[in-house]
């Protein structure tokens, strides 16, 4: 059983940057693709980014492409989301996910002020 804990959220001004971390425990995540999702108030949870198990391939939602970067460190059993040029519409709770196991963290709040 994999447990996921997100951190790194906070309040930032538009144009600023944040780096989210997802720490996994329980078992190694090195064999799993990993993903980030987000859910804004009153909206459905939406896909943000995904990275393959070996970190070779990534893909992003159109809304964050060119601004966000997903990475991983399998030695640390962790996944990251570097967010730059943040916009107010990026405000949401951000969740780490193991797609193949439908495993979710508790989320970390990101608030971008205009």
C-alpha atoms as a PDB file:
ATOM      1  CA  UNK A   1       0.000   0.000   0.000  1.00  0.00           C
ATOM      2  CA  UNK A   2       1.389   3.371  -1.054  1.00  0.00           C
ATOM      3  CA  UNK A   3       0.720   6.449   1.055  1.00  0.00           C
ATOM      4  CA  UNK A   4       1.224   9.897  -0.458  1.00  0.00           C
ATOM      5  CA  UNK A   5       1.779  13.194   1.346  1.00  0.00           C
ATOM      6  CA  UNK A   6       1.852  16.457  -0.572  1.00  0.00           C
ATOM      7  CA  UNK A   7       3.544  19.627   0.653  1.00  0.00           C
ATOM      8  CA  UNK A   8       4.809  22.944  -0.609  1.00  0.00           C
ATOM      9  CA  UNK A   9       1.554  24.734  -1.233  1.00  0.00           C
ATOM     10  CA  UNK A  10       0.872  28.263  -0.090  1.00  0.00           C
ATOM     11  CA  UNK A  11      -0.125  31.774  -1.046  1.00  0.00           C
ATOM     12  CA  UNK A  12       1.768  33.414  -3.888  1.00  0.00           C
ATOM     13  CA  UNK A  13       1.266  36.449  -6.098  1.00  0.00           C
ATOM     14  CA  UNK A  14       0.485  36.085  -9.764  1.00  0.00           C
ATOM     15  CA  UNK A  15       3.672  35.531 -11.718  1.00  0.00           C
ATOM     16  CA  UNK A  16       5.314  33.778  -8.807  1.00  0.00           C
ATOM     17  CA  UNK A  17       6.554  30.219  -8.394  1.00  0.00           C
ATOM     18  CA  UNK A  18       6.024  27.278  -6.091  1.00  0.00           C
ATOM     19  CA  UNK A  19       7.457  23.796  -5.900  1.00  0.00           C
ATOM     20  CA  UNK A  20       5.169  21.042  -4.695  1.00  0.00           C
ATOM     21  CA  UNK A  21       6.504  17.795  -3.297  1.00  0.00           C
ATOM     22  CA  UNK A  22       4.865  14.408  -2.962  1.00  0.00           C
ATOM     23  CA  UNK A  23       6.497  12.029  -0.518  1.00  0.00           C
ATOM     24  CA  UNK A  24       5.576   8.379  -0.868  1.00  0.00           C
ATOM     25  CA  UNK A  25       5.814   5.713   1.797  1.00  0.00           C
ATOM     26  CA  UNK A  26       4.718   2.141   2.253  1.00  0.00           C
ATOM     27  CA  UNK A  27       6.358   0.888  -0.891  1.00  0.00           C
ATOM     28  CA  UNK A  28       8.619   2.133  -3.643  1.00  0.00           C
ATOM     29  CA  UNK A  29       6.972   4.177  -6.372  1.00  0.00           C
ATOM     30  CA  UNK A  30       9.808   3.588  -8.826  1.00  0.00           C
ATOM     31  CA  UNK A  31       7.716   1.134 -10.835  1.00  0.00           C
ATOM     32  CA  UNK A  32       4.739   3.445 -11.167  1.00  0.00           C
ATOM     33  CA  UNK A  33       3.841   6.334 -13.403  1.00  0.00           C
ATOM     34  CA  UNK A  34       2.909   9.269 -11.198  1.00  0.00           C
ATOM     35  CA  UNK A  35       0.608  12.224 -11.735  1.00  0.00           C
ATOM     36  CA  UNK A  36      -0.576  15.529 -10.321  1.00  0.00           C
ATOM     37  CA  UNK A  37      -4.197  16.634 -10.370  1.00  0.00           C
ATOM     38  CA  UNK A  38      -5.918  19.709  -9.014  1.00  0.00           C
ATOM     39  CA  UNK A  39      -9.376  20.722  -7.907  1.00  0.00           C
ATOM     40  CA  UNK A  40     -10.541  24.305  -7.805  1.00  0.00           C
ATOM     41  CA  UNK A  41     -13.535  25.385  -5.689  1.00  0.00           C
ATOM     42  CA  UNK A  42     -16.769  24.307  -7.327  1.00  0.00           C
ATOM     43  CA  UNK A  43     -15.008  22.453 -10.132  1.00  0.00           C
ATOM     44  CA  UNK A  44     -14.180  18.875 -11.023  1.00  0.00           C
ATOM     45  CA  UNK A  45     -10.763  17.463 -10.255  1.00  0.00           C
ATOM     46  CA  UNK A  46      -8.598  17.856 -13.358  1.00  0.00           C
ATOM     47  CA  UNK A  47      -5.395  16.384 -14.690  1.00  0.00           C
ATOM     48  CA  UNK A  48      -2.266  18.549 -14.462  1.00  0.00           C
ATOM     49  CA  UNK A  49       0.776  16.430 -15.315  1.00  0.00           C
ATOM     50  CA  UNK A  50       2.063  12.890 -15.524  1.00  0.00           C
ATOM     51  CA  UNK A  51       5.508  11.288 -15.543  1.00  0.00           C
ATOM     52  CA  UNK A  52       6.496   7.771 -16.495  1.00  0.00           C
ATOM     53  CA  UNK A  53       8.050   5.407 -13.963  1.00  0.00           C
ATOM     54  CA  UNK A  54      11.560   6.115 -15.239  1.00  0.00           C
ATOM     55  CA  UNK A  55      11.087   9.839 -15.706  1.00  0.00           C
ATOM     56  CA  UNK A  56      11.743   9.632 -19.431  1.00  0.00           C
ATOM     57  CA  UNK A  57       8.378  10.877 -20.605  1.00  0.00           C
ATOM     58  CA  UNK A  58       6.035  13.571 -19.312  1.00  0.00           C
ATOM     59  CA  UNK A  59       2.774  15.101 -20.426  1.00  0.00           C
ATOM     60  CA  UNK A  60       0.819  18.133 -19.313  1.00  0.00           C
ATOM     61  CA  UNK A  61      -2.576  19.712 -19.462  1.00  0.00           C
ATOM     62  CA  UNK A  62      -2.688  22.448 -22.082  1.00  0.00           C
ATOM     63  CA  UNK A  63      -3.452  24.998 -19.382  1.00  0.00           C
ATOM     64  CA  UNK A  64      -0.092  24.456 -17.646  1.00  0.00           C
ATOM     65  CA  UNK A  65       2.146  23.490 -20.545  1.00  0.00           C
ATOM     66  CA  UNK A  66       5.309  25.577 -20.607  1.00  0.00           C
ATOM     67  CA  UNK A  67       4.772  26.804 -17.034  1.00  0.00           C
ATOM     68  CA  UNK A  68       4.752  23.635 -14.925  1.00  0.00           C
ATOM     69  CA  UNK A  69       7.314  20.853 -14.802  1.00  0.00           C
ATOM     70  CA  UNK A  70       6.883  17.422 -13.228  1.00  0.00           C
ATOM     71  CA  UNK A  71       9.893  15.462 -12.053  1.00  0.00           C
ATOM     72  CA  UNK A  72      10.731  12.583  -9.761  1.00  0.00           C
ATOM     73  CA  UNK A  73      13.502  11.204  -7.617  1.00  0.00           C
ATOM     74  CA  UNK A  74      13.011   7.477  -7.237  1.00  0.00           C
ATOM     75  CA  UNK A  75      15.874   7.242  -4.769  1.00  0.00           C
ATOM     76  CA  UNK A  76      13.920   9.570  -2.483  1.00  0.00           C
ATOM     77  CA  UNK A  77      10.563   8.012  -3.363  1.00  0.00           C
ATOM     78  CA  UNK A  78       9.275  11.444  -4.286  1.00  0.00           C
ATOM     79  CA  UNK A  79       7.614  13.364  -7.089  1.00  0.00           C
ATOM     80  CA  UNK A  80       7.690  17.118  -7.632  1.00  0.00           C
ATOM     81  CA  UNK A  81       5.741  19.786  -9.469  1.00  0.00           C
ATOM     82  CA  UNK A  82       7.599  22.998 -10.248  1.00  0.00           C
ATOM     83  CA  UNK A  83       5.095  25.725 -11.004  1.00  0.00           C
ATOM     84  CA  UNK A  84       6.143  29.042 -12.545  1.00  0.00           C
ATOM     85  CA  UNK A  85       4.318  32.067 -13.950  1.00  0.00           C
ATOM     86  CA  UNK A  86       1.410  31.237 -11.691  1.00  0.00           C
ATOM     87  CA  UNK A  87      -2.001  32.664 -12.480  1.00  0.00           C
ATOM     88  CA  UNK A  88      -5.048  33.177 -10.261  1.00  0.00           C
ATOM     89  CA  UNK A  89      -6.783  30.392 -12.192  1.00  0.00           C
ATOM     90  CA  UNK A  90      -4.130  27.972 -10.892  1.00  0.00           C
ATOM     91  CA  UNK A  91      -5.679  28.324  -7.432  1.00  0.00           C
ATOM     92  CA  UNK A  92      -6.718  24.844  -6.327  1.00  0.00           C
ATOM     93  CA  UNK A  93      -5.946  21.936  -4.077  1.00  0.00           C
ATOM     94  CA  UNK A  94      -3.198  19.922  -5.735  1.00  0.00           C
ATOM     95  CA  UNK A  95      -3.139  16.146  -5.380  1.00  0.00           C
ATOM     96  CA  UNK A  96      -0.479  13.552  -6.034  1.00  0.00           C
ATOM     97  CA  UNK A  97      -1.703  10.351  -7.660  1.00  0.00           C
ATOM     98  CA  UNK A  98      -0.621   6.843  -8.604  1.00  0.00           C
ATOM     99  CA  UNK A  99      -2.793   6.321 -11.675  1.00  0.00           C
ATOM    100  CA  UNK A 100      -2.505   2.541 -11.833  1.00  0.00           C
ATOM    101  CA  UNK A 101      -3.550   2.128  -8.209  1.00  0.00           C
ATOM    102  CA  UNK A 102      -6.024   4.999  -7.872  1.00  0.00           C
ATOM    103  CA  UNK A 103      -4.063   6.183  -4.842  1.00  0.00           C
ATOM    104  CA  UNK A 104      -4.332   9.811  -3.734  1.00  0.00           C
ATOM    105  CA  UNK A 105      -2.717  12.078  -1.205  1.00  0.00           C
ATOM    106  CA  UNK A 106      -4.616  14.502   0.998  1.00  0.00           C
ATOM    107  CA  UNK A 107      -3.728  17.480  -1.166  1.00  0.00           C
ATOM    108  CA  UNK A 108      -1.961  20.793  -0.670  1.00  0.00           C
ATOM    109  CA  UNK A 109      -3.606  24.179  -1.172  1.00  0.00           C
ATOM    110  CA  UNK A 110      -2.192  26.598  -3.721  1.00  0.00           C
ATOM    111  CA  UNK A 111      -3.625  30.116  -3.780  1.00  0.00           C
ATOM    112  CA  UNK A 112      -2.530  32.647  -6.374  1.00  0.00           C
ATOM    113  CA  UNK A 113      -3.498  36.256  -5.742  1.00  0.00           C
ATOM    114  CA  UNK A 114      -3.921  38.784  -8.532  1.00  0.00           C
END
